[in-house]
Amino acid sequence: MKAFTALLSICTVVAGTYGLFTVRSETEVCAGAKAVESSSVKVGSKVVELTTFSCDARLRPAAVHVDDDPVSGSSAVTLAPSPTAPVVPTGPLPTVDVCGEICKNVCGDSGELPPTTDDCTTIVDAITILNGSVAPSFAVAPGHVQTLTFGTCRFFFENDSPAPQTNCWLSFVQTASAAASACLPPVQPVNSEGICIASDASWRVGVAHS
């Protein structure tokens, strides 16, 4: 618990401003989610589930823009209508590396209660293991979500763009923890999800109740 609390304290410094954001149901990882790959990471006697989900592009927002308010400094989220069919690229798109990219925090609900600190700490430990034992980065296909879940807590990286993306484990955990610090108790006692969304809405990182 102390490790996760310390990480949240550090991430508070780099966390962006946040606004309210409530578009998820209490159980979905993404719209039309289907598990396509699953593995696990052992953290002592605990097991963290590492799962990749595909999302239904027809049900996802066409765009989610995070706009800065020049007066208050807060962030606003604008949802565009969902497309009737996914946009199919005419050819292969190059992989985009988003490691270390800046995003804006928004807060929402994915359940009645926020995740517990102990469960999220276990996921942070699992990501530390992944960073040290496998490649320092991971890839996510267009319209897919990479999740790590333990108990009440879920960390996720969602690729909402038409191109494949890579992220590094350390940037991922720092961004997710910063979103949790801005949106979850004790700062925001009623929220159950903290998300950081790219300025062009091409990806999002977050921590939510599982």
N, C-alpha and C. Protein backbone atom coordinates (compact mmCIF):
# COMPACT_ATOMS: atom_id res chain seq x y z
N MET A 1 0.83 -1.20 0.00
CA MET A 1 0.00 0.00 0.00
C MET A 1 0.86 1.26 0.00
N LYS A 2 1.99 1.22 0.77
CA LYS A 2 2.85 2.38 0.85
C LYS A 2 3.45 2.70 -0.51
N ALA A 3 3.82 1.64 -1.27
CA ALA A 3 4.41 1.86 -2.59
C ALA A 3 3.44 2.55 -3.52
N PHE A 4 2.18 2.10 -3.52
CA PHE A 4 1.18 2.69 -4.41
C PHE A 4 0.87 4.12 -3.99
N THR A 5 0.77 4.36 -2.67
CA THR A 5 0.50 5.71 -2.17
C THR A 5 1.61 6.66 -2.56
N ALA A 6 2.87 6.18 -2.46
CA ALA A 6 4.00 7.01 -2.85
C ALA A 6 3.97 7.32 -4.33
N LEU A 7 3.62 6.32 -5.15
CA LEU A 7 3.54 6.52 -6.59
C LEU A 7 2.46 7.53 -6.93
N LEU A 8 1.32 7.45 -6.25
CA LEU A 8 0.24 8.41 -6.50
C LEU A 8 0.68 9.81 -6.13
N SER A 9 1.45 9.95 -5.05
CA SER A 9 1.92 11.26 -4.62
C SER A 9 2.82 11.87 -5.68
N ILE A 10 3.70 11.04 -6.27
CA ILE A 10 4.60 11.51 -7.31
C ILE A 10 3.80 11.90 -8.55
N CYS A 11 2.84 11.06 -8.91
CA CYS A 11 2.07 11.28 -10.14
C CYS A 11 1.15 12.48 -10.04
N THR A 12 0.80 12.89 -8.81
CA THR A 12 -0.04 14.05 -8.64
C THR A 12 0.61 15.28 -9.24
N VAL A 13 1.95 15.32 -9.21
CA VAL A 13 2.67 16.47 -9.74
C VAL A 13 2.51 16.57 -11.24
N VAL A 14 2.46 15.40 -11.94
CA VAL A 14 2.37 15.42 -13.40
C VAL A 14 0.95 15.25 -13.90
N ALA A 15 0.01 15.05 -13.02
CA ALA A 15 -1.37 14.83 -13.44
C ALA A 15 -1.95 16.11 -14.04
N GLY A 16 -2.72 15.95 -15.13
CA GLY A 16 -3.37 17.09 -15.74
C GLY A 16 -4.64 17.45 -14.99
N THR A 17 -5.29 18.50 -15.44
CA THR A 17 -6.57 18.86 -14.86
C THR A 17 -7.61 17.85 -15.29
N TYR A 18 -8.77 17.84 -14.63
CA TYR A 18 -9.74 16.81 -14.95
C TYR A 18 -11.14 17.39 -14.98
N GLY A 19 -12.04 16.66 -15.65
CA GLY A 19 -13.44 17.01 -15.68
C GLY A 19 -14.26 15.76 -15.52
N LEU A 20 -15.56 15.89 -15.46
CA LEU A 20 -16.42 14.72 -15.30
C LEU A 20 -16.57 14.00 -16.63
N PHE A 21 -16.63 12.68 -16.56
CA PHE A 21 -16.68 11.87 -17.78
C PHE A 21 -17.40 10.58 -17.43
N THR A 22 -18.61 10.39 -17.90
CA THR A 22 -19.39 9.19 -17.54
C THR A 22 -20.05 8.62 -18.77
N VAL A 23 -19.34 7.69 -19.44
CA VAL A 23 -19.93 7.08 -20.64
C VAL A 23 -19.91 5.55 -20.58
N ARG A 24 -19.25 4.96 -19.62
CA ARG A 24 -19.15 3.51 -19.55
C ARG A 24 -20.26 2.92 -18.69
N SER A 25 -20.63 1.70 -19.02
CA SER A 25 -21.53 0.97 -18.14
C SER A 25 -20.70 0.43 -16.99
N GLU A 26 -21.34 -0.18 -16.00
CA GLU A 26 -20.63 -0.63 -14.83
C GLU A 26 -19.77 -1.86 -15.11
N THR A 27 -20.02 -2.60 -16.18
CA THR A 27 -19.31 -3.85 -16.37
C THR A 27 -18.43 -3.89 -17.60
N GLU A 28 -18.63 -3.01 -18.58
CA GLU A 28 -17.92 -3.16 -19.84
C GLU A 28 -16.50 -2.59 -19.77
N VAL A 29 -15.59 -3.28 -20.45
CA VAL A 29 -14.24 -2.78 -20.62
C VAL A 29 -14.23 -1.75 -21.75
N CYS A 30 -14.94 -2.07 -22.83
CA CYS A 30 -15.18 -1.15 -23.93
C CYS A 30 -16.45 -1.64 -24.62
N ALA A 31 -16.98 -0.86 -25.55
CA ALA A 31 -18.22 -1.24 -26.22
C ALA A 31 -18.02 -2.52 -27.03
N GLY A 32 -18.87 -3.52 -26.80
CA GLY A 32 -18.79 -4.76 -27.54
C GLY A 32 -17.52 -5.56 -27.27
N ALA A 33 -16.99 -5.46 -26.04
CA ALA A 33 -15.71 -6.10 -25.71
C ALA A 33 -15.76 -7.61 -25.84
N LYS A 34 -14.70 -8.17 -26.46
CA LYS A 34 -14.53 -9.62 -26.57
C LYS A 34 -13.07 -9.95 -26.26
N ALA A 35 -12.85 -10.85 -25.31
CA ALA A 35 -11.49 -11.25 -24.95
C ALA A 35 -10.85 -12.02 -26.10
N VAL A 36 -9.66 -11.60 -26.53
CA VAL A 36 -8.98 -12.28 -27.64
C VAL A 36 -7.66 -12.91 -27.20
N GLU A 37 -7.14 -12.51 -26.06
CA GLU A 37 -5.89 -13.08 -25.57
C GLU A 37 -5.83 -12.89 -24.06
N SER A 38 -5.34 -13.90 -23.35
CA SER A 38 -5.29 -13.82 -21.89
C SER A 38 -4.08 -14.55 -21.35
N SER A 39 -3.46 -13.97 -20.33
CA SER A 39 -2.36 -14.61 -19.62
C SER A 39 -2.40 -14.08 -18.19
N SER A 40 -1.41 -14.42 -17.41
CA SER A 40 -1.41 -13.98 -16.01
C SER A 40 0.01 -13.67 -15.55
N VAL A 41 0.09 -12.87 -14.49
CA VAL A 41 1.35 -12.50 -13.88
C VAL A 41 1.25 -12.80 -12.39
N LYS A 42 2.19 -13.57 -11.86
CA LYS A 42 2.17 -13.90 -10.45
C LYS A 42 2.93 -12.83 -9.66
N VAL A 43 2.27 -12.34 -8.61
CA VAL A 43 2.88 -11.39 -7.69
C VAL A 43 2.84 -12.05 -6.32
N GLY A 44 3.89 -12.78 -5.98
CA GLY A 44 3.87 -13.58 -4.76
C GLY A 44 2.82 -14.67 -4.90
N SER A 45 1.87 -14.68 -3.96
CA SER A 45 0.79 -15.67 -4.02
C SER A 45 -0.42 -15.16 -4.79
N LYS A 46 -0.35 -13.94 -5.31
CA LYS A 46 -1.47 -13.33 -6.02
C LYS A 46 -1.27 -13.48 -7.53
N VAL A 47 -2.39 -13.49 -8.27
CA VAL A 47 -2.34 -13.64 -9.72
C VAL A 47 -3.09 -12.48 -10.38
N VAL A 48 -2.39 -11.73 -11.19
CA VAL A 48 -2.98 -10.61 -11.94
C VAL A 48 -3.28 -11.09 -13.36
N GLU A 49 -4.51 -10.86 -13.80
CA GLU A 49 -4.94 -11.28 -15.13
C GLU A 49 -4.58 -10.22 -16.17
N LEU A 50 -3.88 -10.64 -17.21
CA LEU A 50 -3.48 -9.77 -18.31
C LEU A 50 -4.31 -10.18 -19.53
N THR A 51 -5.24 -9.30 -19.97
CA THR A 51 -6.19 -9.67 -21.02
C THR A 51 -6.25 -8.59 -22.09
N THR A 52 -6.32 -9.03 -23.35
CA THR A 52 -6.53 -8.12 -24.47
C THR A 52 -7.96 -8.31 -24.98
N PHE A 53 -8.68 -7.20 -25.13
CA PHE A 53 -10.05 -7.22 -25.63
C PHE A 53 -10.13 -6.51 -26.97
N SER A 54 -10.99 -7.01 -27.85
CA SER A 54 -11.35 -6.27 -29.06
C SER A 54 -12.63 -5.49 -28.76
N CYS A 55 -12.78 -4.34 -29.41
CA CYS A 55 -13.95 -3.49 -29.20
C CYS A 55 -14.71 -3.34 -30.51
N ASP A 56 -16.00 -3.17 -30.42
CA ASP A 56 -16.83 -2.98 -31.60
C ASP A 56 -16.73 -1.53 -32.05
N ALA A 57 -16.06 -1.30 -33.19
CA ALA A 57 -15.84 0.06 -33.68
C ALA A 57 -17.14 0.78 -33.98
N ARG A 58 -18.20 0.04 -34.29
CA ARG A 58 -19.49 0.68 -34.60
C ARG A 58 -20.13 1.28 -33.37
N LEU A 59 -19.70 0.82 -32.18
CA LEU A 59 -20.31 1.30 -30.94
C LEU A 59 -19.43 2.29 -30.20
N ARG A 60 -18.20 2.48 -30.68
CA ARG A 60 -17.31 3.41 -30.00
C ARG A 60 -17.57 4.82 -30.50
N PRO A 61 -17.32 5.85 -29.65
CA PRO A 61 -17.47 7.24 -30.10
C PRO A 61 -16.55 7.52 -31.27
N ALA A 62 -17.03 8.32 -32.23
CA ALA A 62 -16.20 8.68 -33.36
C ALA A 62 -15.02 9.52 -32.91
N ALA A 63 -15.23 10.34 -31.88
CA ALA A 63 -14.15 11.16 -31.35
C ALA A 63 -14.48 11.59 -29.95
N VAL A 64 -13.45 11.73 -29.16
CA VAL A 64 -13.60 12.27 -27.81
C VAL A 64 -12.54 13.34 -27.67
N HIS A 65 -12.95 14.60 -27.66
CA HIS A 65 -12.00 15.70 -27.61
C HIS A 65 -11.91 16.25 -26.20
N VAL A 66 -10.68 16.44 -25.74
CA VAL A 66 -10.45 17.03 -24.43
C VAL A 66 -9.94 18.43 -24.67
N ASP A 67 -10.77 19.41 -24.36
CA ASP A 67 -10.45 20.81 -24.66
C ASP A 67 -10.16 21.58 -23.39
N ASP A 68 -9.11 22.37 -23.42
CA ASP A 68 -8.76 23.18 -22.27
C ASP A 68 -9.63 24.43 -22.21
N ASP A 69 -10.12 24.73 -21.02
CA ASP A 69 -10.84 25.96 -20.77
C ASP A 69 -9.80 27.02 -20.42
N PRO A 70 -9.59 28.05 -21.26
CA PRO A 70 -8.53 29.03 -21.00
C PRO A 70 -8.77 29.87 -19.76
N VAL A 71 -10.02 29.89 -19.27
CA VAL A 71 -10.34 30.70 -18.09
C VAL A 71 -10.10 29.93 -16.81
N SER A 72 -10.73 28.76 -16.70
CA SER A 72 -10.66 28.00 -15.46
C SER A 72 -9.51 27.01 -15.44
N GLY A 73 -8.97 26.66 -16.62
CA GLY A 73 -7.91 25.67 -16.68
C GLY A 73 -8.40 24.24 -16.59
N SER A 74 -9.72 24.05 -16.56
CA SER A 74 -10.27 22.71 -16.46
C SER A 74 -10.41 22.10 -17.85
N SER A 75 -10.71 20.80 -17.88
CA SER A 75 -10.85 20.10 -19.15
C SER A 75 -12.30 19.72 -19.38
N ALA A 76 -12.74 19.83 -20.62
CA ALA A 76 -14.10 19.44 -20.98
C ALA A 76 -14.02 18.32 -22.00
N VAL A 77 -14.97 17.41 -21.93
CA VAL A 77 -14.99 16.26 -22.84
C VAL A 77 -16.19 16.38 -23.75
N THR A 78 -15.96 16.30 -25.06
CA THR A 78 -17.02 16.38 -26.05
C THR A 78 -17.11 15.06 -26.79
N LEU A 79 -18.28 14.46 -26.78
CA LEU A 79 -18.49 13.19 -27.46
C LEU A 79 -19.15 13.43 -28.81
N ALA A 80 -18.57 12.86 -29.86
CA ALA A 80 -19.16 12.94 -31.20
C ALA A 80 -20.03 11.72 -31.43
N PRO A 81 -20.98 11.79 -32.35
CA PRO A 81 -21.85 10.64 -32.62
C PRO A 81 -21.06 9.42 -33.07
N SER A 82 -21.58 8.24 -32.76
CA SER A 82 -20.93 7.00 -33.17
C SER A 82 -21.10 6.79 -34.67
N PRO A 83 -20.08 6.27 -35.32
CA PRO A 83 -20.20 6.01 -36.76
C PRO A 83 -21.07 4.80 -37.01
N THR A 84 -21.61 4.70 -38.21
CA THR A 84 -22.43 3.55 -38.56
C THR A 84 -21.57 2.36 -38.96
N ALA A 85 -20.33 2.61 -39.36
CA ALA A 85 -19.42 1.53 -39.75
C ALA A 85 -18.00 2.00 -39.49
N PRO A 86 -17.08 1.06 -39.17
CA PRO A 86 -15.70 1.45 -38.91
C PRO A 86 -15.02 1.95 -40.17
N VAL A 87 -14.05 2.86 -39.99
CA VAL A 87 -13.27 3.36 -41.12
C VAL A 87 -12.16 2.36 -41.41
N VAL A 88 -12.10 1.86 -42.63
CA VAL A 88 -11.10 0.86 -43.01
C VAL A 88 -9.95 1.55 -43.75
N PRO A 89 -8.72 1.49 -43.22
CA PRO A 89 -7.59 2.11 -43.90
C PRO A 89 -7.35 1.45 -45.26
N THR A 90 -6.82 2.23 -46.21
CA THR A 90 -6.56 1.69 -47.54
C THR A 90 -5.30 0.83 -47.57
N GLY A 91 -4.44 0.92 -46.57
CA GLY A 91 -3.22 0.13 -46.51
C GLY A 91 -2.72 0.07 -45.08
N PRO A 92 -1.66 -0.70 -44.84
CA PRO A 92 -1.10 -0.80 -43.49
C PRO A 92 -0.64 0.55 -42.96
N LEU A 93 -0.93 0.82 -41.71
CA LEU A 93 -0.51 2.07 -41.09
C LEU A 93 0.69 1.80 -40.19
N PRO A 94 1.63 2.74 -40.11
CA PRO A 94 2.79 2.55 -39.25
C PRO A 94 2.39 2.55 -37.78
N THR A 95 3.15 1.82 -36.97
CA THR A 95 2.88 1.76 -35.54
C THR A 95 3.25 3.10 -34.89
N VAL A 96 2.38 3.57 -34.02
CA VAL A 96 2.59 4.84 -33.32
C VAL A 96 3.02 4.56 -31.89
N ASP A 97 4.14 5.12 -31.48
CA ASP A 97 4.63 4.96 -30.11
C ASP A 97 4.11 6.12 -29.26
N VAL A 98 3.31 5.82 -28.24
CA VAL A 98 2.74 6.87 -27.39
C VAL A 98 3.41 6.93 -26.02
N CYS A 99 4.52 6.22 -25.85
CA CYS A 99 5.22 6.23 -24.58
C CYS A 99 5.64 7.65 -24.21
N GLY A 100 5.24 8.10 -23.03
CA GLY A 100 5.61 9.42 -22.56
C GLY A 100 4.77 10.55 -23.10
N GLU A 101 3.77 10.25 -23.93
CA GLU A 101 2.91 11.29 -24.49
C GLU A 101 2.00 11.89 -23.40
N ILE A 102 1.66 13.15 -23.58
CA ILE A 102 0.83 13.87 -22.61
C ILE A 102 -0.65 13.60 -22.88
N CYS A 103 -1.43 13.53 -21.81
CA CYS A 103 -2.88 13.36 -21.93
C CYS A 103 -3.56 14.16 -20.83
N LYS A 104 -4.87 14.22 -20.85
CA LYS A 104 -5.65 14.97 -19.87
C LYS A 104 -6.54 14.04 -19.06
N ASN A 105 -6.56 14.26 -17.75
CA ASN A 105 -7.35 13.41 -16.86
C ASN A 105 -8.82 13.82 -16.84
N VAL A 106 -9.69 12.82 -16.90
CA VAL A 106 -11.12 13.01 -16.70
C VAL A 106 -11.61 11.91 -15.77
N CYS A 107 -12.71 12.14 -15.10
CA CYS A 107 -13.17 11.21 -14.07
C CYS A 107 -14.56 10.67 -14.41
N GLY A 108 -14.82 9.45 -14.00
CA GLY A 108 -16.11 8.85 -14.29
C GLY A 108 -16.43 7.69 -13.38
N ASP A 109 -17.38 6.88 -13.79
CA ASP A 109 -17.85 5.76 -12.99
C ASP A 109 -17.89 4.50 -13.83
N SER A 110 -17.36 3.40 -13.27
CA SER A 110 -17.47 2.09 -13.90
C SER A 110 -17.98 1.07 -12.90
N GLY A 111 -18.55 1.55 -11.81
CA GLY A 111 -19.07 0.69 -10.76
C GLY A 111 -19.54 1.53 -9.59
N GLU A 112 -20.14 0.90 -8.62
CA GLU A 112 -20.69 1.64 -7.50
C GLU A 112 -19.62 2.12 -6.53
N LEU A 113 -18.47 1.42 -6.49
CA LEU A 113 -17.42 1.75 -5.54
C LEU A 113 -16.09 1.91 -6.27
N PRO A 114 -15.16 2.70 -5.74
CA PRO A 114 -13.83 2.78 -6.34
C PRO A 114 -13.03 1.52 -6.05
N PRO A 115 -12.00 1.25 -6.84
CA PRO A 115 -11.14 0.10 -6.55
C PRO A 115 -10.37 0.33 -5.25
N THR A 116 -9.97 -0.75 -4.59
CA THR A 116 -9.21 -0.60 -3.35
C THR A 116 -7.73 -0.38 -3.66
N THR A 117 -7.08 0.37 -2.78
CA THR A 117 -5.67 0.68 -2.97
C THR A 117 -4.81 -0.57 -2.99
N ASP A 118 -5.10 -1.53 -2.12
CA ASP A 118 -4.30 -2.76 -2.06
C ASP A 118 -4.36 -3.53 -3.39
N ASP A 119 -5.55 -3.61 -3.99
CA ASP A 119 -5.67 -4.32 -5.26
C ASP A 119 -4.92 -3.60 -6.38
N CYS A 120 -4.99 -2.28 -6.39
CA CYS A 120 -4.27 -1.51 -7.41
C CYS A 120 -2.76 -1.60 -7.20
N THR A 121 -2.33 -1.68 -5.93
CA THR A 121 -0.91 -1.84 -5.63
C THR A 121 -0.38 -3.14 -6.22
N THR A 122 -1.18 -4.20 -6.16
CA THR A 122 -0.78 -5.49 -6.73
C THR A 122 -0.58 -5.38 -8.23
N ILE A 123 -1.42 -4.61 -8.92
CA ILE A 123 -1.27 -4.42 -10.36
C ILE A 123 0.00 -3.62 -10.66
N VAL A 124 0.28 -2.60 -9.85
CA VAL A 124 1.52 -1.83 -10.02
C VAL A 124 2.72 -2.76 -9.89
N ASP A 125 2.68 -3.66 -8.92
CA ASP A 125 3.77 -4.63 -8.74
C ASP A 125 3.89 -5.56 -9.96
N ALA A 126 2.74 -5.97 -10.51
CA ALA A 126 2.75 -6.84 -11.70
C ALA A 126 3.37 -6.12 -12.89
N ILE A 127 3.06 -4.84 -13.06
CA ILE A 127 3.62 -4.08 -14.17
C ILE A 127 5.13 -3.93 -13.99
N THR A 128 5.58 -3.76 -12.76
CA THR A 128 7.01 -3.69 -12.48
C THR A 128 7.70 -5.00 -12.88
N ILE A 129 7.04 -6.12 -12.61
CA ILE A 129 7.58 -7.43 -13.00
C ILE A 129 7.63 -7.55 -14.52
N LEU A 130 6.56 -7.14 -15.20
CA LEU A 130 6.53 -7.20 -16.66
C LEU A 130 7.63 -6.34 -17.27
N ASN A 131 7.84 -5.17 -16.71
CA ASN A 131 8.86 -4.26 -17.23
C ASN A 131 10.26 -4.85 -17.10
N GLY A 132 10.46 -5.64 -16.04
CA GLY A 132 11.79 -6.20 -15.81
C GLY A 132 12.03 -7.57 -16.43
N SER A 133 10.93 -8.29 -16.77
CA SER A 133 11.10 -9.66 -17.23
C SER A 133 10.77 -9.86 -18.70
N VAL A 134 10.03 -8.94 -19.30
CA VAL A 134 9.71 -9.01 -20.73
C VAL A 134 10.14 -7.70 -21.38
N ALA A 135 9.74 -7.47 -22.61
CA ALA A 135 10.07 -6.22 -23.30
C ALA A 135 9.52 -5.02 -22.51
N PRO A 136 10.24 -3.89 -22.50
CA PRO A 136 9.78 -2.73 -21.73
C PRO A 136 8.56 -2.04 -22.31
N SER A 137 8.11 -2.47 -23.49
CA SER A 137 6.93 -1.88 -24.11
C SER A 137 5.99 -2.99 -24.57
N PHE A 138 4.75 -2.60 -24.90
CA PHE A 138 3.75 -3.55 -25.38
C PHE A 138 2.98 -2.93 -26.53
N ALA A 139 2.39 -3.77 -27.36
CA ALA A 139 1.67 -3.30 -28.54
C ALA A 139 0.18 -3.59 -28.40
N VAL A 140 -0.65 -2.67 -28.90
CA VAL A 140 -2.10 -2.83 -28.88
C VAL A 140 -2.63 -2.51 -30.28
N ALA A 141 -3.39 -3.42 -30.84
CA ALA A 141 -3.95 -3.24 -32.17
C ALA A 141 -5.06 -2.20 -32.17
N PRO A 142 -5.39 -1.64 -33.31
CA PRO A 142 -6.49 -0.66 -33.39
C PRO A 142 -7.79 -1.27 -32.85
N GLY A 143 -8.53 -0.49 -32.08
CA GLY A 143 -9.81 -0.96 -31.55
C GLY A 143 -9.69 -2.04 -30.51
N HIS A 144 -8.56 -2.11 -29.82
CA HIS A 144 -8.34 -3.10 -28.78
C HIS A 144 -7.95 -2.44 -27.46
N VAL A 145 -8.13 -3.17 -26.38
CA VAL A 145 -7.79 -2.69 -25.04
C VAL A 145 -6.92 -3.72 -24.34
N GLN A 146 -5.82 -3.25 -23.75
CA GLN A 146 -4.98 -4.11 -22.90
C GLN A 146 -5.32 -3.82 -21.45
N THR A 147 -5.67 -4.86 -20.70
CA THR A 147 -6.06 -4.67 -19.30
C THR A 147 -5.22 -5.54 -18.38
N LEU A 148 -5.05 -5.06 -17.16
CA LEU A 148 -4.52 -5.85 -16.06
C LEU A 148 -5.52 -5.74 -14.93
N THR A 149 -5.97 -6.87 -14.42
CA THR A 149 -7.04 -6.88 -13.43
C THR A 149 -6.67 -7.73 -12.23
N PHE A 150 -6.96 -7.18 -11.06
CA PHE A 150 -6.82 -7.96 -9.82
C PHE A 150 -7.86 -7.45 -8.83
N GLY A 151 -8.66 -8.37 -8.30
CA GLY A 151 -9.66 -7.99 -7.31
C GLY A 151 -10.60 -6.92 -7.82
N THR A 152 -10.62 -5.79 -7.13
CA THR A 152 -11.53 -4.69 -7.49
C THR A 152 -10.94 -3.72 -8.49
N CYS A 153 -9.68 -3.92 -8.88
CA CYS A 153 -8.96 -2.90 -9.66
C CYS A 153 -8.64 -3.36 -11.07
N ARG A 154 -8.73 -2.43 -12.02
CA ARG A 154 -8.36 -2.70 -13.40
C ARG A 154 -7.58 -1.52 -13.96
N PHE A 155 -6.39 -1.79 -14.49
CA PHE A 155 -5.62 -0.81 -15.26
C PHE A 155 -5.85 -1.12 -16.73
N PHE A 156 -5.95 -0.10 -17.60
CA PHE A 156 -6.19 -0.38 -19.01
C PHE A 156 -5.55 0.66 -19.92
N PHE A 157 -5.21 0.19 -21.12
CA PHE A 157 -4.76 1.05 -22.21
C PHE A 157 -5.63 0.73 -23.41
N GLU A 158 -6.31 1.73 -23.95
CA GLU A 158 -7.25 1.54 -25.05
C GLU A 158 -6.78 2.28 -26.29
N ASN A 159 -6.65 1.55 -27.39
CA ASN A 159 -6.26 2.14 -28.67
C ASN A 159 -7.52 2.46 -29.47
N ASP A 160 -7.84 3.75 -29.56
CA ASP A 160 -9.04 4.18 -30.28
C ASP A 160 -8.71 4.71 -31.68
N SER A 161 -7.51 4.45 -32.15
CA SER A 161 -7.10 4.96 -33.45
C SER A 161 -7.14 3.85 -34.50
N PRO A 162 -6.98 4.19 -35.78
CA PRO A 162 -6.95 3.16 -36.84
C PRO A 162 -5.58 2.53 -37.01
N ALA A 163 -4.57 2.99 -36.24
CA ALA A 163 -3.21 2.49 -36.38
C ALA A 163 -2.79 1.69 -35.15
N PRO A 164 -1.91 0.71 -35.30
CA PRO A 164 -1.38 0.02 -34.13
C PRO A 164 -0.56 0.98 -33.27
N GLN A 165 -0.57 0.75 -31.97
CA GLN A 165 0.15 1.62 -31.05
C GLN A 165 1.01 0.80 -30.10
N THR A 166 2.09 1.40 -29.63
CA THR A 166 2.90 0.82 -28.58
C THR A 166 2.98 1.80 -27.42
N ASN A 167 3.12 1.25 -26.23
CA ASN A 167 3.31 2.06 -25.03
C ASN A 167 4.34 1.34 -24.17
N CYS A 168 5.03 2.06 -23.31
CA CYS A 168 5.99 1.41 -22.42
C CYS A 168 5.33 1.21 -21.05
N TRP A 169 5.73 0.15 -20.38
CA TRP A 169 5.08 -0.21 -19.12
C TRP A 169 5.21 0.90 -18.07
N LEU A 170 6.39 1.52 -17.98
CA LEU A 170 6.58 2.54 -16.95
C LEU A 170 5.72 3.77 -17.20
N SER A 171 5.64 4.22 -18.45
CA SER A 171 4.77 5.36 -18.78
C SER A 171 3.31 5.01 -18.52
N PHE A 172 2.94 3.80 -18.89
CA PHE A 172 1.57 3.32 -18.66
C PHE A 172 1.18 3.39 -17.19
N VAL A 173 2.02 2.83 -16.32
CA VAL A 173 1.67 2.79 -14.90
C VAL A 173 1.71 4.19 -14.29
N GLN A 174 2.61 5.04 -14.73
CA GLN A 174 2.66 6.40 -14.21
C GLN A 174 1.43 7.21 -14.61
N THR A 175 1.02 7.07 -15.88
CA THR A 175 -0.15 7.80 -16.37
C THR A 175 -1.43 7.31 -15.69
N ALA A 176 -1.57 6.00 -15.58
CA ALA A 176 -2.75 5.43 -14.93
C ALA A 176 -2.82 5.83 -13.47
N SER A 177 -1.69 5.78 -12.78
CA SER A 177 -1.66 6.14 -11.36
C SER A 177 -1.96 7.62 -11.15
N ALA A 178 -1.50 8.47 -12.08
CA ALA A 178 -1.80 9.90 -12.00
C ALA A 178 -3.29 10.14 -12.16
N ALA A 179 -3.94 9.41 -13.09
CA ALA A 179 -5.38 9.54 -13.27
C ALA A 179 -6.13 9.08 -12.02
N ALA A 180 -5.65 8.00 -11.41
CA ALA A 180 -6.26 7.53 -10.17
C ALA A 180 -6.10 8.55 -9.06
N SER A 181 -4.94 9.16 -8.98
CA SER A 181 -4.69 10.16 -7.95
C SER A 181 -5.61 11.36 -8.09
N ALA A 182 -5.91 11.75 -9.35
CA ALA A 182 -6.76 12.92 -9.59
C ALA A 182 -8.23 12.62 -9.41
N CYS A 183 -8.64 11.35 -9.64
CA CYS A 183 -10.07 11.06 -9.74
C CYS A 183 -10.64 10.17 -8.64
N LEU A 184 -9.82 9.41 -7.96
CA LEU A 184 -10.33 8.46 -6.97
C LEU A 184 -10.12 8.99 -5.56
N PRO A 185 -10.74 8.34 -4.56
CA PRO A 185 -10.56 8.79 -3.17
C PRO A 185 -9.08 8.85 -2.81
N PRO A 186 -8.71 9.80 -1.94
CA PRO A 186 -9.59 10.71 -1.21
C PRO A 186 -9.92 12.00 -1.95
N VAL A 187 -9.29 12.25 -3.11
CA VAL A 187 -9.52 13.50 -3.84
C VAL A 187 -10.96 13.58 -4.34
N GLN A 188 -11.44 12.51 -4.99
CA GLN A 188 -12.80 12.45 -5.51
C GLN A 188 -13.49 11.21 -4.92
N PRO A 189 -14.17 11.33 -3.81
CA PRO A 189 -14.69 10.16 -3.09
C PRO A 189 -15.82 9.40 -3.79
N VAL A 190 -16.48 10.01 -4.79
CA VAL A 190 -17.65 9.35 -5.39
C VAL A 190 -17.33 8.70 -6.72
N ASN A 191 -16.15 8.89 -7.27
CA ASN A 191 -15.82 8.32 -8.58
C ASN A 191 -15.23 6.92 -8.46
N SER A 192 -15.39 6.13 -9.51
CA SER A 192 -14.81 4.79 -9.52
C SER A 192 -13.89 4.57 -10.72
N GLU A 193 -13.59 5.64 -11.46
CA GLU A 193 -12.73 5.51 -12.64
C GLU A 193 -11.98 6.81 -12.88
N GLY A 194 -10.68 6.68 -13.14
CA GLY A 194 -9.85 7.80 -13.55
C GLY A 194 -9.23 7.49 -14.90
N ILE A 195 -9.40 8.40 -15.86
CA ILE A 195 -8.95 8.16 -17.23
C ILE A 195 -8.09 9.33 -17.68
N CYS A 196 -7.09 9.04 -18.51
CA CYS A 196 -6.29 10.08 -19.15
C CYS A 196 -6.42 9.89 -20.65
N ILE A 197 -6.95 10.89 -21.34
CA ILE A 197 -7.27 10.79 -22.77
C ILE A 197 -6.32 11.66 -23.58
N ALA A 198 -5.79 11.11 -24.66
CA ALA A 198 -4.91 11.86 -25.56
C ALA A 198 -5.67 13.03 -26.17
N SER A 199 -4.95 14.10 -26.49
CA SER A 199 -5.60 15.30 -27.01
C SER A 199 -6.33 15.05 -28.32
N ASP A 200 -5.85 14.07 -29.11
CA ASP A 200 -6.53 13.73 -30.36
C ASP A 200 -7.47 12.55 -30.22
N ALA A 201 -7.69 12.11 -28.97
CA ALA A 201 -8.61 11.01 -28.66
C ALA A 201 -8.20 9.68 -29.29
N SER A 202 -6.93 9.52 -29.64
CA SER A 202 -6.49 8.29 -30.29
C SER A 202 -6.22 7.16 -29.29
N TRP A 203 -6.10 7.48 -28.00
CA TRP A 203 -5.88 6.47 -26.97
C TRP A 203 -6.28 7.01 -25.62
N ARG A 204 -6.44 6.10 -24.69
CA ARG A 204 -6.76 6.47 -23.30
C ARG A 204 -6.14 5.45 -22.36
N VAL A 205 -5.77 5.91 -21.19
CA VAL A 205 -5.22 5.08 -20.14
C VAL A 205 -6.05 5.33 -18.89
N GLY A 206 -6.27 4.30 -18.08
CA GLY A 206 -7.04 4.55 -16.88
C GLY A 206 -6.98 3.47 -15.85
N VAL A 207 -7.58 3.78 -14.70
CA VAL A 207 -7.76 2.87 -13.59
C VAL A 207 -9.24 2.89 -13.25
N ALA A 208 -9.84 1.70 -13.08
CA ALA A 208 -11.27 1.63 -12.83
C ALA A 208 -11.60 0.46 -11.91
N HIS A 209 -12.81 0.50 -11.38
CA HIS A 209 -13.32 -0.66 -10.64
C HIS A 209 -13.55 -1.78 -11.64
N SER A 210 -13.13 -2.97 -11.28
CA SER A 210 -13.24 -4.08 -12.21
C SER A 210 -14.61 -4.75 -12.15
